[in-house]
PDB file of N, CA and C in Angstrom:
ATOM      1  N   MET A   1      62.821 -27.641 -84.937  1.00  0.00           N
ATOM      2  CA  MET A   1      62.117 -27.115 -83.777  1.00  0.00           C
ATOM      3  C   MET A   1      60.737 -26.642 -84.221  1.00  0.00           C
ATOM      4  N   ALA A   2      59.713 -26.984 -83.458  1.00  0.00           N
ATOM      5  CA  ALA A   2      58.346 -26.607 -83.794  1.00  0.00           C
ATOM      6  C   ALA A   2      58.143 -25.112 -83.590  1.00  0.00           C
ATOM      7  N   ALA A   3      57.241 -24.577 -84.355  1.00  0.00           N
ATOM      8  CA  ALA A   3      56.911 -23.158 -84.210  1.00  0.00           C
ATOM      9  C   ALA A   3      56.292 -22.924 -82.834  1.00  0.00           C
ATOM     10  N   MET A   4      56.578 -21.775 -82.258  1.00  0.00           N
ATOM     11  CA  MET A   4      56.041 -21.448 -80.940  1.00  0.00           C
ATOM     12  C   MET A   4      54.958 -20.400 -81.076  1.00  0.00           C
ATOM     13  N   ALA A   5      53.989 -20.499 -80.208  1.00  0.00           N
ATOM     14  CA  ALA A   5      52.889 -19.538 -80.198  1.00  0.00           C
ATOM     15  C   ALA A   5      53.340 -18.238 -79.532  1.00  0.00           C
ATOM     16  N   THR A   6      52.645 -17.190 -79.844  1.00  0.00           N
ATOM     17  CA  THR A   6      52.886 -15.894 -79.231  1.00  0.00           C
ATOM     18  C   THR A   6      51.661 -15.517 -78.425  1.00  0.00           C
ATOM     19  N   LEU A   7      51.891 -15.051 -77.218  1.00  0.00           N
ATOM     20  CA  LEU A   7      50.811 -14.654 -76.323  1.00  0.00           C
ATOM     21  C   LEU A   7      51.001 -13.184 -75.985  1.00  0.00           C
ATOM     22  N   HIS A   8      49.998 -12.392 -76.234  1.00  0.00           N
ATOM     23  CA  HIS A   8      50.031 -10.973 -75.883  1.00  0.00           C
ATOM     24  C   HIS A   8      49.107 -10.771 -74.692  1.00  0.00           C
ATOM     25  N   VAL A   9      49.598 -10.077 -73.693  1.00  0.00           N
ATOM     26  CA  VAL A   9      48.798  -9.800 -72.499  1.00  0.00           C
ATOM     27  C   VAL A   9      48.623  -8.295 -72.412  1.00  0.00           C
ATOM     28  N   ARG A  10      47.391  -7.870 -72.314  1.00  0.00           N
ATOM     29  CA  ARG A  10      47.087  -6.436 -72.262  1.00  0.00           C
ATOM     30  C   ARG A  10      46.573  -6.042 -70.894  1.00  0.00           C
ATOM     31  N   ASN A  11      46.633  -4.758 -70.635  1.00  0.00           N
ATOM     32  CA  ASN A  11      46.083  -4.160 -69.406  1.00  0.00           C
ATOM     33  C   ASN A  11      46.682  -4.757 -68.137  1.00  0.00           C
ATOM     34  N   VAL A  12      47.991  -5.001 -68.161  1.00  0.00           N
ATOM     35  CA  VAL A  12      48.675  -5.500 -66.972  1.00  0.00           C
ATOM     36  C   VAL A  12      48.822  -4.332 -65.999  1.00  0.00           C
ATOM     37  N   PRO A  13      48.315  -4.471 -64.791  1.00  0.00           N
ATOM     38  CA  PRO A  13      48.459  -3.387 -63.813  1.00  0.00           C
ATOM     39  C   PRO A  13      49.943  -3.080 -63.577  1.00  0.00           C
ATOM     40  N   THR A  14      50.253  -1.816 -63.416  1.00  0.00           N
ATOM     41  CA  THR A  14      51.640  -1.372 -63.251  1.00  0.00           C
ATOM     42  C   THR A  14      52.322  -2.092 -62.096  1.00  0.00           C
ATOM     43  N   GLU A  15      51.627  -2.238 -60.981  1.00  0.00           N
ATOM     44  CA  GLU A  15      52.211  -2.903 -59.808  1.00  0.00           C
ATOM     45  C   GLU A  15      52.579  -4.353 -60.125  1.00  0.00           C
ATOM     46  N   LEU A  16      51.722  -5.046 -60.845  1.00  0.00           N
ATOM     47  CA  LEU A  16      52.006  -6.425 -61.232  1.00  0.00           C
ATOM     48  C   LEU A  16      53.198  -6.481 -62.176  1.00  0.00           C
ATOM     49  N   TYR A  17      53.229  -5.590 -63.137  1.00  0.00           N
ATOM     50  CA  TYR A  17      54.335  -5.551 -64.094  1.00  0.00           C
ATOM     51  C   TYR A  17      55.657  -5.309 -63.367  1.00  0.00           C
ATOM     52  N   GLU A  18      55.666  -4.372 -62.432  1.00  0.00           N
ATOM     53  CA  GLU A  18      56.886  -4.082 -61.687  1.00  0.00           C
ATOM     54  C   GLU A  18      57.321  -5.285 -60.854  1.00  0.00           C
ATOM     55  N   SER A  19      56.369  -5.988 -60.270  1.00  0.00           N
ATOM     56  CA  SER A  19      56.687  -7.199 -59.506  1.00  0.00           C
ATOM     57  C   SER A  19      57.297  -8.258 -60.412  1.00  0.00           C
ATOM     58  N   LEU A  20      56.724  -8.422 -61.597  1.00  0.00           N
ATOM     59  CA  LEU A  20      57.278  -9.384 -62.559  1.00  0.00           C
ATOM     60  C   LEU A  20      58.689  -8.979 -62.976  1.00  0.00           C
ATOM     61  N   ARG A  21      58.884  -7.705 -63.226  1.00  0.00           N
ATOM     62  CA  ARG A  21      60.187  -7.209 -63.645  1.00  0.00           C
ATOM     63  C   ARG A  21      61.224  -7.448 -62.543  1.00  0.00           C
ATOM     64  N   ASN A  22      60.848  -7.179 -61.300  1.00  0.00           N
ATOM     65  CA  ASN A  22      61.761  -7.407 -60.176  1.00  0.00           C
ATOM     66  C   ASN A  22      62.063  -8.894 -59.992  1.00  0.00           C
ATOM     67  N   ARG A  23      61.040  -9.720 -60.093  1.00  0.00           N
ATOM     68  CA  ARG A  23      61.231 -11.160 -59.942  1.00  0.00           C
ATOM     69  C   ARG A  23      62.128 -11.693 -61.047  1.00  0.00           C
ATOM     70  N   ALA A  24      61.898 -11.239 -62.277  1.00  0.00           N
ATOM     71  CA  ALA A  24      62.728 -11.671 -63.408  1.00  0.00           C
ATOM     72  C   ALA A  24      64.181 -11.290 -63.167  1.00  0.00           C
ATOM     73  N   ALA A  25      64.413 -10.070 -62.708  1.00  0.00           N
ATOM     74  CA  ALA A  25      65.778  -9.621 -62.450  1.00  0.00           C
ATOM     75  C   ALA A  25      66.440 -10.468 -61.362  1.00  0.00           C
ATOM     76  N   LEU A  26      65.703 -10.766 -60.304  1.00  0.00           N
ATOM     77  CA  LEU A  26      66.243 -11.596 -59.222  1.00  0.00           C
ATOM     78  C   LEU A  26      66.607 -12.997 -59.706  1.00  0.00           C
ATOM     79  N   ASN A  27      65.842 -13.503 -60.676  1.00  0.00           N
ATOM     80  CA  ASN A  27      66.078 -14.850 -61.197  1.00  0.00           C
ATOM     81  C   ASN A  27      66.979 -14.860 -62.431  1.00  0.00           C
ATOM     82  N   GLY A  28      67.457 -13.679 -62.824  1.00  0.00           N
ATOM     83  CA  GLY A  28      68.366 -13.602 -63.970  1.00  0.00           C
ATOM     84  C   GLY A  28      67.699 -13.948 -65.292  1.00  0.00           C
ATOM     85  N   ARG A  29      66.422 -13.602 -65.411  1.00  0.00           N
ATOM     86  CA  ARG A  29      65.668 -13.904 -66.627  1.00  0.00           C
ATOM     87  C   ARG A  29      65.045 -12.631 -67.172  1.00  0.00           C
ATOM     88  N   SER A  30      64.641 -12.710 -68.433  1.00  0.00           N
ATOM     89  CA  SER A  30      63.843 -11.633 -69.013  1.00  0.00           C
ATOM     90  C   SER A  30      62.427 -11.730 -68.438  1.00  0.00           C
ATOM     91  N   ILE A  31      61.662 -10.677 -68.597  1.00  0.00           N
ATOM     92  CA  ILE A  31      60.268 -10.716 -68.143  1.00  0.00           C
ATOM     93  C   ILE A  31      59.524 -11.823 -68.883  1.00  0.00           C
ATOM     94  N   ASN A  32      59.782 -11.945 -70.177  1.00  0.00           N
ATOM     95  CA  ASN A  32      59.139 -12.990 -70.975  1.00  0.00           C
ATOM     96  C   ASN A  32      59.456 -14.378 -70.410  1.00  0.00           C
ATOM     97  N   ALA A  33      60.730 -14.640 -70.148  1.00  0.00           N
ATOM     98  CA  ALA A  33      61.123 -15.951 -69.611  1.00  0.00           C
ATOM     99  C   ALA A  33      60.514 -16.186 -68.230  1.00  0.00           C
ATOM    100  N   GLU A  34      60.430 -15.131 -67.438  1.00  0.00           N
ATOM    101  CA  GLU A  34      59.846 -15.260 -66.095  1.00  0.00           C
ATOM    102  C   GLU A  34      58.363 -15.599 -66.183  1.00  0.00           C
ATOM    103  N   VAL A  35      57.650 -14.931 -67.074  1.00  0.00           N
ATOM    104  CA  VAL A  35      56.216 -15.197 -67.235  1.00  0.00           C
ATOM    105  C   VAL A  35      55.998 -16.629 -67.722  1.00  0.00           C
ATOM    106  N   ILE A  36      56.832 -17.088 -68.650  1.00  0.00           N
ATOM    107  CA  ILE A  36      56.711 -18.471 -69.138  1.00  0.00           C
ATOM    108  C   ILE A  36      56.955 -19.446 -67.991  1.00  0.00           C
ATOM    109  N   GLU A  37      57.938 -19.173 -67.149  1.00  0.00           N
ATOM    110  CA  GLU A  37      58.212 -20.023 -65.987  1.00  0.00           C
ATOM    111  C   GLU A  37      57.005 -20.064 -65.050  1.00  0.00           C
ATOM    112  N   ILE A  38      56.442 -18.905 -64.749  1.00  0.00           N
ATOM    113  CA  ILE A  38      55.282 -18.828 -63.850  1.00  0.00           C
ATOM    114  C   ILE A  38      54.087 -19.557 -64.450  1.00  0.00           C
ATOM    115  N   LEU A  39      53.824 -19.327 -65.719  1.00  0.00           N
ATOM    116  CA  LEU A  39      52.703 -20.012 -66.378  1.00  0.00           C
ATOM    117  C   LEU A  39      52.912 -21.522 -66.390  1.00  0.00           C
ATOM    118  N   GLY A  40      54.137 -21.947 -66.699  1.00  0.00           N
ATOM    119  CA  GLY A  40      54.430 -23.382 -66.723  1.00  0.00           C
ATOM    120  C   GLY A  40      54.194 -24.043 -65.382  1.00  0.00           C
ATOM    121  N   ARG A  41      54.655 -23.393 -64.322  1.00  0.00           N
ATOM    122  CA  ARG A  41      54.444 -23.952 -62.974  1.00  0.00           C
ATOM    123  C   ARG A  41      52.960 -23.977 -62.620  1.00  0.00           C
ATOM    124  N   GLY A  42      52.253 -22.928 -62.989  1.00  0.00           N
ATOM    125  CA  GLY A  42      50.818 -22.882 -62.708  1.00  0.00           C
ATOM    126  C   GLY A  42      50.054 -23.973 -63.423  1.00  0.00           C
ATOM    127  N   VAL A  43      50.383 -24.182 -64.686  1.00  0.00           N
ATOM    128  CA  VAL A  43      49.707 -25.227 -65.460  1.00  0.00           C
ATOM    129  C   VAL A  43      50.048 -26.605 -64.907  1.00  0.00           C
ATOM    130  N   GLU A  44      51.302 -26.824 -64.524  1.00  0.00           N
ATOM    131  CA  GLU A  44      51.691 -28.115 -63.957  1.00  0.00           C
ATOM    132  C   GLU A  44      50.956 -28.377 -62.642  1.00  0.00           C
ATOM    133  N   THR A  45      50.829 -27.367 -61.802  1.00  0.00           N
ATOM    134  CA  THR A  45      50.078 -27.509 -60.553  1.00  0.00           C
ATOM    135  C   THR A  45      48.622 -27.833 -60.846  1.00  0.00           C
ATOM    136  N   TRP A  46      48.050 -27.138 -61.821  1.00  0.00           N
ATOM    137  CA  TRP A  46      46.665 -27.391 -62.215  1.00  0.00           C
ATOM    138  C   TRP A  46      46.500 -28.834 -62.693  1.00  0.00           C
ATOM    139  N   ARG A  47      47.447 -29.315 -63.508  1.00  0.00           N
ATOM    140  CA  ARG A  47      47.372 -30.708 -63.994  1.00  0.00           C
ATOM    141  C   ARG A  47      47.440 -31.700 -62.848  1.00  0.00           C
ATOM    142  N   ARG A  48      48.375 -31.470 -61.906  1.00  0.00           N
ATOM    143  CA  ARG A  48      48.487 -32.379 -60.756  1.00  0.00           C
ATOM    144  C   ARG A  48      47.209 -32.366 -59.937  1.00  0.00           C
ATOM    145  N   ASN A  49      46.636 -31.177 -59.721  1.00  0.00           N
ATOM    146  CA  ASN A  49      45.391 -31.084 -58.962  1.00  0.00           C
ATOM    147  C   ASN A  49      44.257 -31.795 -59.678  1.00  0.00           C
ATOM    148  N   GLU A  50      44.184 -31.642 -60.995  1.00  0.00           N
ATOM    149  CA  GLU A  50      43.141 -32.338 -61.750  1.00  0.00           C
ATOM    150  C   GLU A  50      43.309 -33.843 -61.643  1.00  0.00           C
ATOM    151  N   GLN A  51      44.548 -34.318 -61.748  1.00  0.00           N
ATOM    152  CA  GLN A  51      44.821 -35.758 -61.641  1.00  0.00           C
ATOM    153  C   GLN A  51      44.426 -36.256 -60.252  1.00  0.00           C
ATOM    154  N   TRP A  52      44.820 -35.494 -59.218  1.00  0.00           N
ATOM    155  CA  TRP A  52      44.489 -35.891 -57.857  1.00  0.00           C
ATOM    156  C   TRP A  52      42.980 -35.963 -57.684  1.00  0.00           C
ATOM    157  N   TRP A  53      42.267 -34.949 -58.184  1.00  0.00           N
ATOM    158  CA  TRP A  53      40.824 -34.921 -58.030  1.00  0.00           C
ATOM    159  C   TRP A  53      40.172 -36.091 -58.760  1.00  0.00           C
ATOM    160  N   ALA A  54      40.655 -36.411 -59.960  1.00  0.00           N
ATOM    161  CA  ALA A  54      40.105 -37.541 -60.717  1.00  0.00           C
ATOM    162  C   ALA A  54      40.323 -38.847 -59.956  1.00  0.00           C
ATOM    163  N   GLU A  55      41.515 -39.018 -59.370  1.00  0.00           N
ATOM    164  CA  GLU A  55      41.794 -40.226 -58.583  1.00  0.00           C
ATOM    165  C   GLU A  55      40.910 -40.275 -57.341  1.00  0.00           C
ATOM    166  N   PHE A  56      40.713 -39.137 -56.700  1.00  0.00           N
ATOM    167  CA  PHE A  56      39.849 -39.059 -55.523  1.00  0.00           C
ATOM    168  C   PHE A  56      38.415 -39.443 -55.884  1.00  0.00           C
ATOM    169  N   GLU A  57      37.896 -38.875 -56.974  1.00  0.00           N
ATOM    170  CA  GLU A  57      36.526 -39.190 -57.378  1.00  0.00           C
ATOM    171  C   GLU A  57      36.380 -40.661 -57.749  1.00  0.00           C
ATOM    172  N   GLU A  58      37.398 -41.227 -58.397  1.00  0.00           N
ATOM    173  CA  GLU A  58      37.341 -42.648 -58.761  1.00  0.00           C
ATOM    174  C   GLU A  58      37.319 -43.507 -57.506  1.00  0.00           C
ATOM    175  N   LEU A  59      38.139 -43.148 -56.535  1.00  0.00           N
ATOM    176  CA  LEU A  59      38.182 -43.890 -55.280  1.00  0.00           C
ATOM    177  C   LEU A  59      36.857 -43.788 -54.533  1.00  0.00           C
ATOM    178  N   THR A  60      36.335 -42.577 -54.401  1.00  0.00           N
ATOM    179  CA  THR A  60      35.084 -42.413 -53.660  1.00  0.00           C
ATOM    180  C   THR A  60      33.902 -43.057 -54.378  1.00  0.00           C
ATOM    181  N   SER A  61      33.971 -43.165 -55.694  1.00  0.00           N
ATOM    182  CA  SER A  61      32.866 -43.812 -56.413  1.00  0.00           C
ATOM    183  C   SER A  61      32.798 -45.307 -56.110  1.00  0.00           C
ATOM    184  N   ARG A  62      33.939 -45.876 -55.678  1.00  0.00           N
ATOM    185  CA  ARG A  62      33.964 -47.306 -55.343  1.00  0.00           C
ATOM    186  C   ARG A  62      33.584 -47.573 -53.894  1.00  0.00           C
ATOM    187  N   MET A  63      33.479 -46.527 -53.089  1.00  0.00           N
ATOM    188  CA  MET A  63      33.122 -46.715 -51.678  1.00  0.00           C
ATOM    189  C   MET A  63      31.628 -46.970 -51.555  1.00  0.00           C
ATOM    190  N   ARG A  64      31.300 -47.874 -50.685  1.00  0.00           N
ATOM    191  CA  ARG A  64      29.898 -48.200 -50.431  1.00  0.00           C
ATOM    192  C   ARG A  64      29.599 -47.936 -48.957  1.00  0.00           C
ATOM    193  N   LEU A  65      29.226 -46.705 -48.656  1.00  0.00           N
ATOM    194  CA  LEU A  65      28.890 -46.365 -47.286  1.00  0.00           C
ATOM    195  C   LEU A  65      27.422 -46.670 -47.023  1.00  0.00           C
ATOM    196  N   PRO A  66      27.102 -47.057 -45.797  1.00  0.00           N
ATOM    197  CA  PRO A  66      25.690 -47.304 -45.476  1.00  0.00           C
ATOM    198  C   PRO A  66      24.903 -46.005 -45.570  1.00  0.00           C
ATOM    199  N   PRO A  67      23.614 -46.094 -45.882  1.00  0.00           N
ATOM    200  CA  PRO A  67      22.797 -44.893 -46.045  1.00  0.00           C
ATOM    201  C   PRO A  67      22.738 -44.010 -44.795  1.00  0.00           C
ATOM    202  N   ASP A  68      22.925 -44.612 -43.620  1.00  0.00           N
ATOM    203  CA  ASP A  68      22.852 -43.829 -42.387  1.00  0.00           C
ATOM    204  C   ASP A  68      24.227 -43.344 -41.914  1.00  0.00           C
ATOM    205  N   ALA A  69      25.247 -43.478 -42.737  1.00  0.00           N
ATOM    206  CA  ALA A  69      26.597 -43.007 -42.374  1.00  0.00           C
ATOM    207  C   ALA A  69      26.570 -41.487 -42.208  1.00  0.00           C
ATOM    208  N   PRO A  70      27.308 -40.984 -41.210  1.00  0.00           N
ATOM    209  CA  PRO A  70      27.322 -39.533 -41.002  1.00  0.00           C
ATOM    210  C   PRO A  70      28.003 -38.820 -42.168  1.00  0.00           C
ATOM    211  N   LYS A  71      27.558 -37.608 -42.418  1.00  0.00           N
ATOM    212  CA  LYS A  71      28.151 -36.800 -43.481  1.00  0.00           C
ATOM    213  C   LYS A  71      29.517 -36.294 -43.015  1.00  0.00           C
ATOM    214  N   PRO A  72      30.482 -36.193 -43.917  1.00  0.00           N
ATOM    215  CA  PRO A  72      31.811 -35.698 -43.518  1.00  0.00           C
ATOM    216  C   PRO A  72      31.755 -34.328 -42.855  1.00  0.00           C
ATOM    217  N   GLU A  73      30.917 -33.432 -43.359  1.00  0.00           N
ATOM    218  CA  GLU A  73      30.859 -32.091 -42.770  1.00  0.00           C
ATOM    219  C   GLU A  73      30.339 -32.127 -41.340  1.00  0.00           C
ATOM    220  N   ASP A  74      29.438 -33.104 -41.031  1.00  0.00           N
ATOM    221  CA  ASP A  74      28.955 -33.233 -39.654  1.00  0.00           C
ATOM    222  C   ASP A  74      30.068 -33.733 -38.738  1.00  0.00           C
ATOM    223  N   LEU A  75      30.888 -34.656 -39.226  1.00  0.00           N
ATOM    224  CA  LEU A  75      32.013 -35.158 -38.440  1.00  0.00           C
ATOM    225  C   LEU A  75      33.036 -34.055 -38.190  1.00  0.00           C
ATOM    226  N   ILE A  76      33.305 -33.252 -39.207  1.00  0.00           N
ATOM    227  CA  ILE A  76      34.249 -32.142 -39.060  1.00  0.00           C
ATOM    228  C   ILE A  76      33.715 -31.130 -38.065  1.00  0.00           C
ATOM    229  N   ARG A  77      32.433 -30.797 -38.169  1.00  0.00           N
ATOM    230  CA  ARG A  77      31.815 -29.832 -37.255  1.00  0.00           C
ATOM    231  C   ARG A  77      31.879 -30.349 -35.817  1.00  0.00           C
ATOM    232  N   TRP A  78      31.562 -31.636 -35.604  1.00  0.00           N
ATOM    233  CA  TRP A  78      31.600 -32.212 -34.274  1.00  0.00           C
ATOM    234  C   TRP A  78      33.016 -32.139 -33.714  1.00  0.00           C
ATOM    235  N   ASP A  79      33.987 -32.513 -34.537  1.00  0.00           N
ATOM    236  CA  ASP A  79      35.381 -32.499 -34.108  1.00  0.00           C
ATOM    237  C   ASP A  79      35.813 -31.080 -33.731  1.00  0.00           C
ATOM    238  N   ARG A  80      35.448 -30.106 -34.564  1.00  0.00           N
ATOM    239  CA  ARG A  80      35.791 -28.712 -34.296  1.00  0.00           C
ATOM    240  C   ARG A  80      35.125 -28.216 -33.009  1.00  0.00           C
ATOM    241  N   ASP A  81      33.836 -28.529 -32.846  1.00  0.00           N
ATOM    242  CA  ASP A  81      33.073 -28.051 -31.684  1.00  0.00           C
ATOM    243  C   ASP A  81      33.514 -28.679 -30.365  1.00  0.00           C
ATOM    244  N   HIS A  82      34.154 -29.841 -30.446  1.00  0.00           N
ATOM    245  CA  HIS A  82      34.571 -30.539 -29.240  1.00  0.00           C
ATOM    246  C   HIS A  82      36.077 -30.404 -28.989  1.00  0.00           C
ATOM    247  N   GLY A  83      36.707 -29.477 -29.673  1.00  0.00           N
ATOM    248  CA  GLY A  83      38.106 -29.144 -29.406  1.00  0.00           C
ATOM    249  C   GLY A  83      39.115 -30.214 -29.744  1.00  0.00           C
ATOM    250  N   HIS A  84      38.843 -30.967 -30.768  1.00  0.00           N
ATOM    251  CA  HIS A  84      39.805 -32.018 -31.168  1.00  0.00           C
ATOM    252  C   HIS A  84      40.682 -31.555 -32.296  1.00  0.00           C
TER     253      HIS A  84
END
């Protein structure tokens, strides 16, 4: 088994710590295990968002819109202003 890193977190607000402690207890985990779970989910979400954004940028880079095409924000504003 590979060596694992240690992460120390300082200055955790009491309210946050208590919330973590309560959440860990509800999930039957230690605070350490709960924090690792939360961090893991956060990093996975970040990775998925980065992948999605990269795919979006790649797709939009291949689009060839005419120079006089309306801007997306103008279309959204028009739609909002006209109750659609």
